[in-house]
Amino acid sequence: MSDHYTGWYHEFAEYDPETAPEEFVGFVYRIQNLDTLQKYIGKKLFWNRRKTKVKTKSGGTKTKYVTKESDWKKYYGSNKLLQEQVEEVGGDKYYREILKFCKTKGECSYYEAKYQFEYDVLLRDDYFNEYIQCRINAKHLKRDNDGE
């Protein structure tokens, strides 16, 4: 796979990563093989936050959080078979579509599961998805009245 940005699409237009709204932490996506039409639905965060230990002036250590951009620009899903196929045929044979931008990690998890159930990814042969995993607390979702 190439390290250069090969493109995500949102609402049928190429998504410009430079215009990423700061209020979103991640997104739910669908990747589709353009030859076989096999698909995969997953979620990806824009940022990784890791704990690291740093030395203090007094000789002790303290925990510090380090935030850095994730590999979302060149990401092709976590499914092993999908990853192998992308390595084999190249990322340009895949259409990567952002289905929904999310404001919290909980929202990412909720909408990933919602789309996976909505598209019956476990019941259809044209999806790479092998399982649906979710544990979501209502407190981690922003509630609104738009019916979505």
C-alpha atoms as a PDB file:
ATOM      1  CA  MET A   1       0.000   0.000   0.000  1.00  0.00           C
ATOM      2  CA  SER A   2       1.147   3.476  -0.710  1.00  0.00           C
ATOM      3  CA  ASP A   3       1.779   5.999   2.041  1.00  0.00           C
ATOM      4  CA  HIS A   4       0.166   8.830   0.093  1.00  0.00           C
ATOM      5  CA  TYR A   5      -3.423   9.885   0.641  1.00  0.00           C
ATOM      6  CA  THR A   6      -5.631   7.887  -1.723  1.00  0.00           C
ATOM      7  CA  GLY A   7      -8.939   9.361  -0.751  1.00  0.00           C
ATOM      8  CA  TRP A   8     -12.010   8.935   1.336  1.00  0.00           C
ATOM      9  CA  TYR A   9     -15.399   9.953  -0.036  1.00  0.00           C
ATOM     10  CA  HIS A  10     -18.301  11.570   1.783  1.00  0.00           C
ATOM     11  CA  GLU A  11     -21.671  12.199   0.142  1.00  0.00           C
ATOM     12  CA  PHE A  12     -20.200  11.069  -3.227  1.00  0.00           C
ATOM     13  CA  ALA A  13     -17.451  13.719  -3.255  1.00  0.00           C
ATOM     14  CA  GLU A  14     -13.797  13.244  -2.376  1.00  0.00           C
ATOM     15  CA  TYR A  15     -13.305  14.253   1.229  1.00  0.00           C
ATOM     16  CA  ASP A  16     -10.606  16.852   1.842  1.00  0.00           C
ATOM     17  CA  PRO A  17      -8.827  15.960   5.115  1.00  0.00           C
ATOM     18  CA  GLU A  18      -7.727  19.576   5.523  1.00  0.00           C
ATOM     19  CA  THR A  19     -11.355  20.593   6.056  1.00  0.00           C
ATOM     20  CA  ALA A  20     -12.006  18.096   8.857  1.00  0.00           C
ATOM     21  CA  PRO A  21     -14.319  19.766  11.369  1.00  0.00           C
ATOM     22  CA  GLU A  22     -12.638  19.858  14.763  1.00  0.00           C
ATOM     23  CA  GLU A  23     -15.775  18.810  16.636  1.00  0.00           C
ATOM     24  CA  PHE A  24     -15.581  15.247  15.215  1.00  0.00           C
ATOM     25  CA  VAL A  25     -13.429  12.556  16.825  1.00  0.00           C
ATOM     26  CA  GLY A  26     -13.979   9.919  14.143  1.00  0.00           C
ATOM     27  CA  PHE A  27     -16.291   8.386  11.590  1.00  0.00           C
ATOM     28  CA  VAL A  28     -18.107   5.250  10.495  1.00  0.00           C
ATOM     29  CA  TYR A  29     -17.104   4.018   7.058  1.00  0.00           C
ATOM     30  CA  ARG A  30     -17.806   1.456   4.351  1.00  0.00           C
ATOM     31  CA  ILE A  31     -15.032   0.123   2.138  1.00  0.00           C
ATOM     32  CA  GLN A  32     -15.984  -1.620  -1.096  1.00  0.00           C
ATOM     33  CA  ASN A  33     -13.864  -3.669  -3.496  1.00  0.00           C
ATOM     34  CA  LEU A  34     -14.696  -2.219  -6.920  1.00  0.00           C
ATOM     35  CA  ASP A  35     -14.145  -5.557  -8.707  1.00  0.00           C
ATOM     36  CA  THR A  36     -15.803  -8.084  -6.357  1.00  0.00           C
ATOM     37  CA  LEU A  37     -18.236  -5.608  -4.703  1.00  0.00           C
ATOM     38  CA  GLN A  38     -17.362  -7.057  -1.267  1.00  0.00           C
ATOM     39  CA  LYS A  39     -17.795  -4.489   1.512  1.00  0.00           C
ATOM     40  CA  TYR A  40     -16.769  -3.813   5.086  1.00  0.00           C
ATOM     41  CA  ILE A  41     -18.327  -1.457   7.649  1.00  0.00           C
ATOM     42  CA  GLY A  42     -16.225  -0.173  10.528  1.00  0.00           C
ATOM     43  CA  LYS A  43     -15.245   2.894  12.544  1.00  0.00           C
ATOM     44  CA  LYS A  44     -12.059   4.939  12.746  1.00  0.00           C
ATOM     45  CA  LEU A  45     -10.890   7.702  15.061  1.00  0.00           C
ATOM     46  CA  PHE A  46      -8.974  10.724  13.775  1.00  0.00           C
ATOM     47  CA  TRP A  47      -6.745  10.831  16.856  1.00  0.00           C
ATOM     48  CA  ASN A  48      -4.975   8.333  19.125  1.00  0.00           C
ATOM     49  CA  ARG A  49      -4.489   9.246  22.762  1.00  0.00           C
ATOM     50  CA  ARG A  50      -1.890   7.208  24.628  1.00  0.00           C
ATOM     51  CA  LYS A  51      -0.577   7.203  28.178  1.00  0.00           C
ATOM     52  CA  THR A  52       3.152   7.475  28.546  1.00  0.00           C
ATOM     53  CA  LYS A  53       5.437   7.738  31.572  1.00  0.00           C
ATOM     54  CA  VAL A  54       7.811  10.696  31.691  1.00  0.00           C
ATOM     55  CA  LYS A  55      10.556  11.449  34.171  1.00  0.00           C
ATOM     56  CA  THR A  56      10.149  14.431  36.453  1.00  0.00           C
ATOM     57  CA  LYS A  57      12.913  16.792  37.544  1.00  0.00           C
ATOM     58  CA  SER A  58      12.864  15.202  40.975  1.00  0.00           C
ATOM     59  CA  GLY A  59      13.716  11.789  39.479  1.00  0.00           C
ATOM     60  CA  GLY A  60      10.258  10.259  39.695  1.00  0.00           C
ATOM     61  CA  THR A  61       7.805   9.495  36.922  1.00  0.00           C
ATOM     62  CA  LYS A  62       4.394  10.790  36.055  1.00  0.00           C
ATOM     63  CA  THR A  63       1.799   9.791  33.501  1.00  0.00           C
ATOM     64  CA  LYS A  64       1.321  12.080  30.543  1.00  0.00           C
ATOM     65  CA  TYR A  65      -1.220  11.778  27.732  1.00  0.00           C
ATOM     66  CA  VAL A  66       0.099  12.105  24.194  1.00  0.00           C
ATOM     67  CA  THR A  67      -2.311  12.750  21.328  1.00  0.00           C
ATOM     68  CA  LYS A  68      -1.328  12.178  17.717  1.00  0.00           C
ATOM     69  CA  GLU A  69      -3.150  11.762  14.419  1.00  0.00           C
ATOM     70  CA  SER A  70      -4.175   8.179  13.652  1.00  0.00           C
ATOM     71  CA  ASP A  71      -3.460   6.393  10.373  1.00  0.00           C
ATOM     72  CA  TRP A  72      -7.008   7.133   9.144  1.00  0.00           C
ATOM     73  CA  LYS A  73      -5.859   8.561   5.799  1.00  0.00           C
ATOM     74  CA  LYS A  74      -4.367   5.250   4.665  1.00  0.00           C
ATOM     75  CA  TYR A  75      -6.617   2.931   6.695  1.00  0.00           C
ATOM     76  CA  TYR A  76      -8.420   0.028   5.006  1.00  0.00           C
ATOM     77  CA  GLY A  77     -10.165  -1.690   7.907  1.00  0.00           C
ATOM     78  CA  SER A  78      -9.236  -4.197  10.590  1.00  0.00           C
ATOM     79  CA  ASN A  79     -10.462  -7.361   8.842  1.00  0.00           C
ATOM     80  CA  LYS A  80      -7.460  -9.579   8.008  1.00  0.00           C
ATOM     81  CA  LEU A  81      -8.859 -10.908   4.710  1.00  0.00           C
ATOM     82  CA  LEU A  82      -9.655  -7.365   3.569  1.00  0.00           C
ATOM     83  CA  GLN A  83      -6.149  -6.199   4.536  1.00  0.00           C
ATOM     84  CA  GLU A  84      -4.565  -9.083   2.603  1.00  0.00           C
ATOM     85  CA  GLN A  85      -6.642  -8.291  -0.483  1.00  0.00           C
ATOM     86  CA  VAL A  86      -5.732  -4.590  -0.315  1.00  0.00           C
ATOM     87  CA  GLU A  87      -2.042  -5.549  -0.098  1.00  0.00           C
ATOM     88  CA  GLU A  88      -2.472  -7.904  -3.046  1.00  0.00           C
ATOM     89  CA  VAL A  89      -4.460  -5.739  -5.490  1.00  0.00           C
ATOM     90  CA  GLY A  90      -3.770  -2.225  -4.177  1.00  0.00           C
ATOM     91  CA  GLY A  91      -5.834   0.413  -2.420  1.00  0.00           C
ATOM     92  CA  ASP A  92      -6.952   2.041  -5.665  1.00  0.00           C
ATOM     93  CA  LYS A  93      -9.283  -0.938  -6.236  1.00  0.00           C
ATOM     94  CA  TYR A  94     -11.359   0.114  -3.199  1.00  0.00           C
ATOM     95  CA  TYR A  95     -13.937   2.821  -2.661  1.00  0.00           C
ATOM     96  CA  ARG A  96     -13.687   4.232   0.877  1.00  0.00           C
ATOM     97  CA  GLU A  97     -16.833   6.021   1.960  1.00  0.00           C
ATOM     98  CA  ILE A  98     -17.482   7.955   5.165  1.00  0.00           C
ATOM     99  CA  LEU A  99     -21.042   7.150   6.225  1.00  0.00           C
ATOM    100  CA  LYS A 100     -21.220   9.313   9.354  1.00  0.00           C
ATOM    101  CA  PHE A 101     -18.978  11.726  11.233  1.00  0.00           C
ATOM    102  CA  CYS A 102     -19.125  11.263  15.013  1.00  0.00           C
ATOM    103  CA  LYS A 103     -18.521  13.653  17.921  1.00  0.00           C
ATOM    104  CA  THR A 104     -17.676  11.023  20.561  1.00  0.00           C
ATOM    105  CA  LYS A 105     -16.125   7.553  20.694  1.00  0.00           C
ATOM    106  CA  GLY A 106     -19.451   6.272  21.997  1.00  0.00           C
ATOM    107  CA  GLU A 107     -21.230   7.747  18.990  1.00  0.00           C
ATOM    108  CA  CYS A 108     -18.708   5.990  16.697  1.00  0.00           C
ATOM    109  CA  SER A 109     -19.434   2.659  18.387  1.00  0.00           C
ATOM    110  CA  TYR A 110     -23.202   3.194  18.283  1.00  0.00           C
ATOM    111  CA  TYR A 111     -23.365   4.122  14.595  1.00  0.00           C
ATOM    112  CA  GLU A 112     -20.901   1.412  13.572  1.00  0.00           C
ATOM    113  CA  ALA A 113     -23.190  -1.217  15.138  1.00  0.00           C
ATOM    114  CA  LYS A 114     -26.325   0.521  13.792  1.00  0.00           C
ATOM    115  CA  TYR A 115     -25.038   0.411  10.195  1.00  0.00           C
ATOM    116  CA  GLN A 116     -23.760  -3.149  10.594  1.00  0.00           C
ATOM    117  CA  PHE A 117     -27.200  -4.328  11.737  1.00  0.00           C
ATOM    118  CA  GLU A 118     -28.997  -2.152   9.179  1.00  0.00           C
ATOM    119  CA  TYR A 119     -27.006  -3.695   6.298  1.00  0.00           C
ATOM    120  CA  ASP A 120     -27.149  -7.262   7.727  1.00  0.00           C
ATOM    121  CA  VAL A 121     -23.365  -7.571   7.418  1.00  0.00           C
ATOM    122  CA  LEU A 122     -23.275 -10.934   9.222  1.00  0.00           C
ATOM    123  CA  LEU A 123     -26.028 -12.460   7.115  1.00  0.00           C
ATOM    124  CA  ARG A 124     -24.708 -11.500   3.685  1.00  0.00           C
ATOM    125  CA  ASP A 125     -21.833 -12.989   1.720  1.00  0.00           C
ATOM    126  CA  ASP A 126     -20.852  -9.647   0.185  1.00  0.00           C
ATOM    127  CA  TYR A 127     -19.543  -8.252   3.506  1.00  0.00           C
ATOM    128  CA  PHE A 128     -16.141  -8.985   5.060  1.00  0.00           C
ATOM    129  CA  ASN A 129     -17.503  -8.336   8.581  1.00  0.00           C
ATOM    130  CA  GLU A 130     -17.292 -11.433  10.775  1.00  0.00           C
ATOM    131  CA  TYR A 131     -18.713 -10.091  14.033  1.00  0.00           C
ATOM    132  CA  ILE A 132     -20.456  -7.109  15.554  1.00  0.00           C
ATOM    133  CA  GLN A 133     -19.006  -5.932  18.825  1.00  0.00           C
ATOM    134  CA  CYS A 134     -20.525  -3.167  20.874  1.00  0.00           C
ATOM    135  CA  ARG A 135     -21.005  -2.036  24.413  1.00  0.00           C
ATOM    136  CA  ILE A 136     -22.365   1.471  24.488  1.00  0.00           C
ATOM    137  CA  ASN A 137     -23.485   3.619  27.397  1.00  0.00           C
ATOM    138  CA  ALA A 138     -26.262   6.118  26.704  1.00  0.00           C
ATOM    139  CA  LYS A 139     -24.263   8.734  28.637  1.00  0.00           C
ATOM    140  CA  HIS A 140     -21.632   8.640  25.885  1.00  0.00           C
ATOM    141  CA  LEU A 141     -24.097   9.653  23.179  1.00  0.00           C
ATOM    142  CA  LYS A 142     -25.319  13.117  22.400  1.00  0.00           C
ATOM    143  CA  ARG A 143     -29.087  12.915  22.352  1.00  0.00           C
ATOM    144  CA  ASP A 144     -30.984  14.940  19.836  1.00  0.00           C
ATOM    145  CA  ASN A 145     -34.441  15.015  18.383  1.00  0.00           C
ATOM    146  CA  ASP A 146     -33.623  14.660  14.711  1.00  0.00           C
ATOM    147  CA  GLY A 147     -34.765  11.026  14.748  1.00  0.00           C
ATOM    148  CA  GLU A 148     -31.438   9.608  13.602  1.00  0.00           C
END
